[in-house]
Amino acid sequence: MEYKILEFFIGAIMFRDNVTNSAPVFCDITIRISYASGVGTVAAGLVIARRVSEIASGRMMRHSKRRIILTDLAIGLTPPLVQIIIFWFVQGHRFDILEDVGCLYAVPSTLLSLFLTDLWPVVIGIVSMGYSVITIRALNRRRREQLDLMCEGLTFDQYRRLIWMATVEMAATVPISIWIITIKYTPPAYYPWKGFADLHWGFSRVDQIPSISWLADRLTRQGVEESRWISIACAIWYFAIFGTTTEARNRYKAVILKPLELLGVRTKTTDGRSTGRGPNNTSLVFAGRSVRTPQTDRSTQENSMEGIRSMPSLGSVSGKGRRDSFELSNGRDPDVIV
């Protein structure tokens, strides 16, 4: 998904106010990756839905880590690789260049492309839906007991985020895929299949389409805008799931506070520890109020405490320190990639 957004960004810069075929090899590579990324995104969702389902049902604990990784790689990489291999069979000509957009693959909406490409997201989405149903049923059955079945370090909050992602995918993948198929395979967008000779006629040509032309065509404009905004919506959703975790927020704070540490300003981290090189600089709490306090020597503090203890009118003072309440009890990284 990040690749598609980056591709749109680069294409919009390269072909701003022009349709010159200045980088044909670049276009040959990007159109194939872009063509496979649609199925690849759905396959990645299937990997996550399957993994969460196995965690919820307790089957994951019976498999080795090596087997789990190989299975996930096979499920996630096989569909997009197959799409790249069969791309020639559904390709009408080399590629198209749209002004202000970039390079786009030229795949007519034929009966062959329907079965080789466009039905894949629907089938994979149905399988993901099945895993999501299993996950939700297991969650309702065991409530918070699933914490005992999770792999090491996985918290309930992280598990709940994955449940949200599986639920949204179950509700969105299949309907969106069916909607796209309906638009692509109804006249006048549908192109009747007449064989490879007709499909590959003038195969080496590159259609260069100015913005005034493709914006005037409703189907082309709709397809471009859908591809753009669906990618952006998916990226925002993925960030909302994985980019707002506790570990991610701690990393954001570390990046923000790092320049202050290089300047010698003491900063206080999320676990309560002070960092920085300055011996008597300001102690700064992130998103809090900075207070300038002089740093005293440890021996001076101990002597002061001994003097207080020796005063009969004050009684005894406990010298035990308290452990920081923000410190993790297990010392593990709170975020685990599933």
Protein backbone atom coordinates (compact mmCIF):
# COMPACT_ATOMS: atom_id res chain seq x y z
CA MET A 1 0.00 0.00 0.00
CA GLU A 2 2.84 2.40 0.81
CA TYR A 3 4.35 1.57 -2.57
CA LYS A 4 1.21 2.63 -4.43
CA ILE A 5 1.12 5.97 -2.62
CA LEU A 6 4.82 6.50 -3.38
CA GLU A 7 4.21 5.56 -7.01
CA PHE A 8 1.39 8.11 -7.33
CA PHE A 9 3.64 10.74 -5.75
CA ILE A 10 6.58 10.08 -8.09
CA GLY A 11 4.34 9.81 -11.15
CA ALA A 12 2.61 13.10 -10.39
CA ILE A 13 6.01 14.82 -10.23
CA MET A 14 7.54 13.14 -13.31
CA PHE A 15 4.52 13.72 -15.55
CA ARG A 16 3.38 17.08 -14.29
CA ASP A 17 1.99 18.99 -17.30
CA ASN A 18 3.54 16.49 -19.75
CA VAL A 19 3.07 13.00 -21.23
CA THR A 20 6.64 12.46 -22.46
CA ASN A 21 7.79 8.85 -22.30
CA SER A 22 11.00 9.79 -20.49
CA ALA A 23 11.43 6.64 -18.37
CA PRO A 24 10.01 3.59 -20.20
CA VAL A 25 11.91 1.02 -18.12
CA PHE A 26 10.71 2.66 -14.91
CA CYS A 27 7.14 2.45 -16.19
CA ASP A 28 7.55 -1.21 -17.21
CA ILE A 29 8.59 -2.09 -13.66
CA THR A 30 6.11 0.05 -11.76
CA ILE A 31 3.03 -1.05 -13.70
CA ARG A 32 3.74 -4.70 -12.86
CA ILE A 33 4.26 -4.01 -9.18
CA SER A 34 1.19 -1.80 -9.12
CA TYR A 35 -0.85 -4.49 -10.87
CA ALA A 36 0.17 -7.10 -8.28
CA SER A 37 -0.21 -4.80 -5.27
CA GLY A 38 -4.01 -4.95 -5.39
CA VAL A 39 -4.03 -8.69 -4.76
CA GLY A 40 -0.98 -8.37 -2.49
CA THR A 41 -2.79 -6.02 -0.11
CA VAL A 42 -5.72 -8.41 0.23
CA ALA A 43 -3.30 -11.34 0.72
CA ALA A 44 -1.54 -9.44 3.51
CA GLY A 45 -4.90 -8.98 5.20
CA LEU A 46 -5.46 -12.74 4.92
CA VAL A 47 -2.11 -13.38 6.64
CA ILE A 48 -3.10 -11.15 9.56
CA ALA A 49 -6.62 -12.59 9.81
CA ARG A 50 -5.26 -16.14 9.80
CA ARG A 51 -2.60 -15.37 12.42
CA VAL A 52 -5.10 -13.73 14.79
CA SER A 53 -7.49 -16.64 14.31
CA GLU A 54 -4.81 -19.15 15.27
CA ILE A 55 -3.89 -17.11 18.34
CA ALA A 56 -7.52 -16.95 19.45
CA SER A 57 -8.10 -20.68 18.95
CA GLY A 58 -4.81 -21.74 20.55
CA ARG A 59 -3.50 -23.59 17.48
CA MET A 60 -0.49 -21.31 17.11
CA MET A 61 1.25 -22.67 20.21
CA ARG A 62 1.52 -26.11 18.57
CA HIS A 63 3.51 -24.87 15.56
CA SER A 64 7.18 -23.98 15.33
CA LYS A 65 8.20 -20.39 14.67
CA ARG A 66 9.93 -21.39 11.42
CA ARG A 67 6.81 -23.08 10.09
CA ILE A 68 4.65 -20.08 10.99
CA ILE A 69 6.94 -17.64 9.15
CA LEU A 70 7.19 -19.83 6.04
CA THR A 71 3.42 -20.26 5.92
CA ASP A 72 2.82 -16.53 6.23
CA LEU A 73 5.36 -15.77 3.50
CA ALA A 74 3.77 -18.33 1.18
CA ILE A 75 0.29 -16.89 1.69
CA GLY A 76 1.40 -13.28 1.39
CA LEU A 77 3.82 -13.57 -1.57
CA THR A 78 2.32 -16.27 -3.79
CA PRO A 79 -0.75 -14.33 -5.09
CA PRO A 80 1.15 -11.16 -6.15
CA LEU A 81 3.98 -13.19 -7.72
CA VAL A 82 1.45 -15.20 -9.73
CA GLN A 83 -0.14 -11.93 -10.87
CA ILE A 84 3.20 -10.67 -12.17
CA ILE A 85 3.75 -13.93 -14.06
CA ILE A 86 0.33 -13.92 -15.77
CA PHE A 87 0.37 -10.17 -16.45
CA TRP A 88 1.28 -10.65 -20.14
CA PHE A 89 -1.85 -12.74 -20.77
CA VAL A 90 -4.20 -9.92 -19.79
CA GLN A 91 -2.10 -6.94 -20.94
CA GLY A 92 -3.51 -5.04 -23.92
CA HIS A 93 -0.44 -2.96 -24.80
CA ARG A 94 2.75 -1.78 -23.15
CA PHE A 95 1.35 0.93 -20.84
CA ASP A 96 -0.44 4.27 -20.73
CA ILE A 97 0.85 7.66 -19.58
CA LEU A 98 -1.71 10.01 -18.07
CA GLU A 99 -0.77 13.62 -17.63
CA ASP A 100 -0.43 14.62 -13.94
CA VAL A 101 -0.91 10.97 -12.91
CA GLY A 102 1.90 8.79 -14.28
CA CYS A 103 2.26 5.33 -15.79
CA LEU A 104 -0.72 2.99 -15.69
CA TYR A 105 -1.03 -0.62 -16.81
CA ALA A 106 -3.26 -1.24 -19.84
CA VAL A 107 -5.46 -4.23 -19.00
CA PRO A 108 -8.81 -4.34 -20.82
CA SER A 109 -11.80 -5.66 -18.88
CA THR A 110 -12.11 -9.01 -20.64
CA LEU A 111 -13.49 -12.34 -19.48
CA LEU A 112 -9.91 -13.61 -19.13
CA SER A 113 -8.86 -10.77 -16.84
CA LEU A 114 -11.97 -11.34 -14.73
CA PHE A 115 -10.99 -14.92 -13.85
CA LEU A 116 -7.21 -14.43 -13.75
CA THR A 117 -7.14 -11.21 -11.75
CA ASP A 118 -10.27 -9.43 -10.61
CA LEU A 119 -11.93 -12.37 -8.86
CA TRP A 120 -8.88 -13.01 -6.67
CA PRO A 121 -9.66 -10.25 -4.13
CA VAL A 122 -13.20 -11.57 -3.77
CA VAL A 123 -12.05 -15.16 -3.13
CA ILE A 124 -9.26 -14.11 -0.76
CA GLY A 125 -11.66 -11.73 1.00
CA ILE A 126 -14.15 -14.54 1.59
CA VAL A 127 -11.39 -16.69 3.13
CA SER A 128 -10.33 -13.76 5.34
CA MET A 129 -13.96 -13.30 6.33
CA GLY A 130 -14.07 -16.91 7.49
CA TYR A 131 -10.98 -16.44 9.67
CA SER A 132 -12.41 -13.20 11.07
CA VAL A 133 -15.64 -14.95 12.04
CA ILE A 134 -13.64 -17.67 13.82
CA THR A 135 -11.64 -15.00 15.66
CA ILE A 136 -14.68 -13.04 16.80
CA ARG A 137 -16.43 -16.21 18.00
CA ALA A 138 -13.34 -17.25 19.98
CA LEU A 139 -13.11 -13.77 21.49
CA ASN A 140 -16.73 -13.82 22.60
CA ARG A 141 -16.33 -17.32 24.04
CA ARG A 142 -13.20 -16.73 26.06
CA ARG A 143 -13.45 -13.02 26.77
CA ARG A 144 -10.20 -11.93 28.36
CA GLU A 145 -8.96 -15.50 28.81
CA GLN A 146 -7.28 -15.29 25.41
CA LEU A 147 -4.34 -13.57 27.16
CA ASP A 148 -3.22 -17.02 28.32
CA LEU A 149 -3.12 -18.23 24.71
CA MET A 150 -1.17 -15.34 23.24
CA CYS A 151 2.42 -15.54 22.17
CA GLU A 152 5.03 -14.02 24.46
CA GLY A 153 4.73 -10.25 24.93
CA LEU A 154 1.40 -9.70 23.11
CA THR A 155 -0.90 -7.47 25.13
CA PHE A 156 -4.67 -7.33 25.12
CA ASP A 157 -4.61 -3.87 23.52
CA GLN A 158 -2.51 -5.13 20.60
CA TYR A 159 -4.76 -8.16 20.20
CA ARG A 160 -7.83 -5.92 20.20
CA ARG A 161 -6.31 -3.74 17.47
CA LEU A 162 -5.84 -6.80 15.28
CA ILE A 163 -9.45 -7.76 15.92
CA TRP A 164 -10.56 -4.34 14.69
CA MET A 165 -8.46 -4.69 11.58
CA ALA A 166 -9.86 -8.15 10.82
CA THR A 167 -13.42 -6.92 11.35
CA VAL A 168 -13.04 -3.93 9.03
CA GLU A 169 -11.40 -6.09 6.39
CA MET A 170 -14.24 -8.59 6.65
CA ALA A 171 -16.79 -5.83 6.18
CA ALA A 172 -14.97 -3.90 3.42
CA THR A 173 -12.85 -6.18 1.21
CA VAL A 174 -15.54 -8.27 -0.45
CA PRO A 175 -18.09 -5.45 -1.01
CA ILE A 176 -15.46 -3.09 -2.46
CA SER A 177 -14.10 -5.83 -4.74
CA ILE A 178 -17.57 -6.68 -6.02
CA TRP A 179 -18.31 -3.00 -6.59
CA ILE A 180 -15.12 -2.57 -8.66
CA ILE A 181 -15.94 -5.65 -10.74
CA THR A 182 -19.44 -4.32 -11.39
CA ILE A 183 -18.06 -1.03 -12.69
CA LYS A 184 -15.32 -2.61 -14.82
CA TYR A 185 -17.39 -5.33 -16.45
CA THR A 186 -20.50 -3.45 -17.46
CA PRO A 187 -20.79 -1.68 -20.85
CA PRO A 188 -19.12 0.40 -22.12
CA ALA A 189 -16.10 -0.54 -19.97
CA TYR A 190 -16.34 -4.27 -20.79
CA TYR A 191 -14.26 -5.42 -23.78
CA PRO A 192 -15.41 -8.67 -25.47
CA TRP A 193 -12.79 -11.42 -25.61
CA LYS A 194 -11.70 -12.15 -29.21
CA GLY A 195 -8.42 -13.98 -28.66
CA PHE A 196 -4.80 -13.00 -28.00
CA ALA A 197 -4.26 -11.69 -31.54
CA ASP A 198 -6.91 -9.06 -31.01
CA LEU A 199 -5.88 -8.33 -27.41
CA HIS A 200 -2.18 -7.85 -28.27
CA TRP A 201 -2.67 -5.89 -31.49
CA GLY A 202 -0.18 -3.00 -31.45
CA PHE A 203 1.29 -4.40 -28.24
CA SER A 204 4.39 -2.17 -28.13
CA ARG A 205 2.53 1.12 -28.28
CA VAL A 206 2.38 3.61 -25.42
CA ASP A 207 -0.78 5.69 -25.22
CA GLN A 208 -0.03 9.24 -24.05
CA ILE A 209 -3.22 10.84 -22.75
CA PRO A 210 -3.37 14.54 -21.76
CA SER A 211 -5.33 15.55 -18.69
CA ILE A 212 -8.04 17.28 -20.69
CA SER A 213 -8.86 13.93 -22.34
CA TRP A 214 -8.83 11.55 -19.38
CA LEU A 215 -10.66 14.00 -17.12
CA ALA A 216 -13.42 14.23 -19.72
CA ASP A 217 -13.89 10.43 -19.69
CA ARG A 218 -16.04 9.47 -16.70
CA LEU A 219 -14.83 5.87 -16.36
CA THR A 220 -11.14 6.76 -16.56
CA ARG A 221 -11.50 9.61 -14.10
CA GLN A 222 -13.46 7.42 -11.71
CA GLY A 223 -10.88 4.62 -11.90
CA VAL A 224 -7.95 6.95 -11.22
CA GLU A 225 -9.62 8.65 -8.27
CA GLU A 226 -10.77 5.35 -6.77
CA SER A 227 -7.27 3.90 -6.96
CA ARG A 228 -5.84 7.00 -5.31
CA TRP A 229 -8.26 7.37 -2.44
CA ILE A 230 -8.64 3.68 -1.62
CA SER A 231 -4.86 3.50 -1.20
CA ILE A 232 -4.86 6.59 1.02
CA ALA A 233 -7.76 5.30 3.13
CA CYS A 234 -6.03 1.94 3.65
CA ALA A 235 -2.78 3.67 4.63
CA ILE A 236 -4.60 5.83 7.20
CA TRP A 237 -6.35 2.78 8.61
CA TYR A 238 -3.10 0.80 8.91
CA PHE A 239 -1.46 3.74 10.68
CA ALA A 240 -4.40 4.04 13.08
CA ILE A 241 -3.95 0.37 13.98
CA PHE A 242 -0.16 0.04 14.17
CA GLY A 243 1.11 3.63 14.40
CA THR A 244 -0.66 4.64 17.61
CA THR A 245 0.51 1.85 19.92
CA THR A 246 2.43 2.56 23.12
CA GLU A 247 5.72 1.49 21.57
CA ALA A 248 5.13 3.72 18.53
CA ARG A 249 4.34 6.74 20.72
CA ASN A 250 7.49 6.13 22.75
CA ARG A 251 9.54 6.14 19.57
CA TYR A 252 7.95 9.40 18.43
CA LYS A 253 8.85 10.98 21.77
CA ALA A 254 12.40 9.66 21.53
CA VAL A 255 12.83 11.26 18.11
CA ILE A 256 11.48 14.59 19.38
CA LEU A 257 13.62 14.60 22.54
CA LYS A 258 16.84 13.46 20.87
CA PRO A 259 17.89 16.96 19.68
CA LEU A 260 17.39 18.27 23.23
CA GLU A 261 19.65 15.54 24.61
CA LEU A 262 22.34 16.42 22.07
CA LEU A 263 22.19 20.02 23.32
CA GLY A 264 22.80 18.83 26.87
CA VAL A 265 19.26 19.33 28.17
CA ARG A 266 18.13 16.69 30.62
CA THR A 267 14.89 15.02 29.60
CA LYS A 268 12.69 12.57 31.40
CA THR A 269 11.65 9.43 29.49
CA THR A 270 8.37 7.55 29.80
CA ASP A 271 9.88 5.18 32.39
CA GLY A 272 10.90 8.09 34.62
CA ARG A 273 14.65 8.00 33.91
CA SER A 274 16.54 11.20 33.23
CA THR A 275 18.75 11.44 30.17
CA GLY A 276 21.09 14.06 28.80
CA ARG A 277 24.68 15.15 29.37
CA GLY A 278 24.30 18.39 31.30
CA PRO A 279 25.40 18.15 35.01
CA ASN A 280 23.00 20.79 36.32
CA ASN A 281 20.66 21.63 33.49
CA THR A 282 16.89 21.91 33.51
CA SER A 283 14.93 18.68 34.02
CA LEU A 284 12.36 18.65 31.21
CA VAL A 285 9.27 16.45 31.22
CA PHE A 286 7.73 15.74 27.79
CA ALA A 287 4.46 17.63 27.31
CA GLY A 288 4.81 18.94 30.84
CA ARG A 289 6.16 21.96 32.64
CA SER A 290 9.91 22.56 32.79
CA VAL A 291 11.37 23.47 36.18
CA ARG A 292 14.96 24.61 36.73
CA THR A 293 16.32 22.84 39.78
CA PRO A 294 19.94 22.71 40.97
CA GLN A 295 21.50 19.25 41.12
CA THR A 296 22.95 18.34 44.50
CA ASP A 297 25.63 15.81 45.25
CA ARG A 298 24.52 12.37 46.39
CA SER A 299 26.73 12.43 49.48
CA THR A 300 25.26 15.81 50.48
CA GLN A 301 21.75 14.38 50.27
CA GLU A 302 22.73 11.36 52.38
CA ASN A 303 24.32 13.58 55.03
CA SER A 304 21.17 15.72 55.15
CA MET A 305 19.03 12.63 55.68
CA GLU A 306 21.31 11.42 58.46
CA GLY A 307 20.97 14.81 60.17
CA ILE A 308 17.19 14.63 59.98
CA ARG A 309 17.14 11.11 61.42
CA SER A 310 19.27 12.25 64.37
CA MET A 311 16.76 14.95 65.40
CA PRO A 312 14.66 13.57 68.29
CA SER A 313 11.68 15.82 67.62
CA LEU A 314 11.17 14.44 64.10
CA GLY A 315 11.45 10.76 64.85
CA SER A 316 12.72 8.23 62.33
CA VAL A 317 12.50 8.65 58.61
CA SER A 318 12.36 5.64 56.29
CA GLY A 319 15.20 5.54 53.79
CA LYS A 320 13.57 3.14 51.38
CA GLY A 321 13.05 4.42 47.85
CA ARG A 322 10.06 3.81 45.72
CA ARG A 323 10.25 2.11 42.42
CA ASP A 324 9.04 4.14 39.47
CA SER A 325 5.40 3.32 38.78
CA PHE A 326 5.96 3.66 35.02
CA GLU A 327 8.59 0.92 34.87
CA LEU A 328 7.52 -2.21 33.05
CA SER A 329 7.14 -5.22 35.28
CA ASN A 330 8.55 -7.74 32.85
CA GLY A 331 11.14 -5.63 31.03
CA ARG A 332 9.93 -6.71 27.64
CA ASP A 333 9.20 -4.68 24.59
CA PRO A 334 5.45 -3.97 24.81
CA ASP A 335 4.97 -4.21 21.04
CA VAL A 336 5.20 -7.50 19.16
CA ILE A 337 4.85 -7.81 15.37
CA VAL A 338 2.30 -10.48 14.52
